[in-house]
Amino acid sequence: MASARTTGTAARPTGARPHHPQPGAARPARARDWAEIQERMLVPLYEAVYDRMEVGPASSVLGLGCRSGLALLLAAGRGAQVAGQEPRDELRELAHGRRLRVCAESRAPAAVPRSAHSLVTVFEQLPDPAEYPPVVAEAARLAQPRGHVVLAAWGPPERCESAPVLDVARRMAGRTTARDPFELSMPGALEDLLAPAGLRPAGSGRVSCPFAYADLDSAVRGLLSTGLFEPAEEFSGASLVAKELEEALQPYLRADGSVRMENLFRYLIAERPR
């Protein structure tokens, strides 16, 4: 795997934290970038899971953390009944624009109906590792008996060319808490979430998900839309983070100006017992 070049950043006095606008101010634009640029990178993952689970007209699919809903659209295209949960307003509005039934919070009494689903997916990693167990427990609760829950995560970092690029988020977050996108890639990490939720493993798979962009600007916008870089932007400033991202992407820049990184994702299938 090619390794990304890095550049030094200006030294700061120890403990100093520069003031920059909150990254949330740009969230509507970031949501559009997710829907228009980044979301399609995970289509091979969505399709592989739906093929494996034989999603079709007899399926009821619930997506937890479904963002702007492309995965749900693909399931609906197979004839499935679909619903979703997405906490961010700007992403949820985009899902509504796709005529998807997406609520803000599945635990709210009037949000996602309590009718059980044959498949509950958690395709997107959560920003806080402490949220993993309760979300998996909620997924298990909303799955019908003998129904399934699917969790997804990045593959091993050595199999993901985006790993050194994503490391910009950690390097530039200073002393703030930056999410490690490969935390659930460790052996057994996904499996450890099942038993406390009353689930049992029922299979797994690996899927190639290349991150391919038309140009460098699209690559930067797409990666920033994932939310992984928000702590870095808050600490170091959006312009500096974007500059570092451009530098880290140079090894994956092709002669025609496009950018491509080969990545591997993993999914874990769990079954809810009777």
Foldseek 3Di string as FASTA:
>chain_A
DDFFDFDDDDDDPPPDFDFDDAPVVCQLVLLVLQVPAAVVLCVQVLVVVCVVVVQALVFEEEEEQCFLPPSVVVSVVRNYHYEYEHQDPSRVVNNVVVVHHYYNDPVDPPHDDLAAGLEYEHEADDFDPVCLLVVVLVNLSRHDAQGKYKYKAFAPLVQWQCNNLLCLLVVQLPPDDADDRCPCNPPCSVVVSAVVSQKAFDDKDKGKRKRKFPALVSVLSNVVSSVRNSSSCRGPNPVVSSVRSSSRQVVQQDPNRMGIIITMMMMTMITHHD
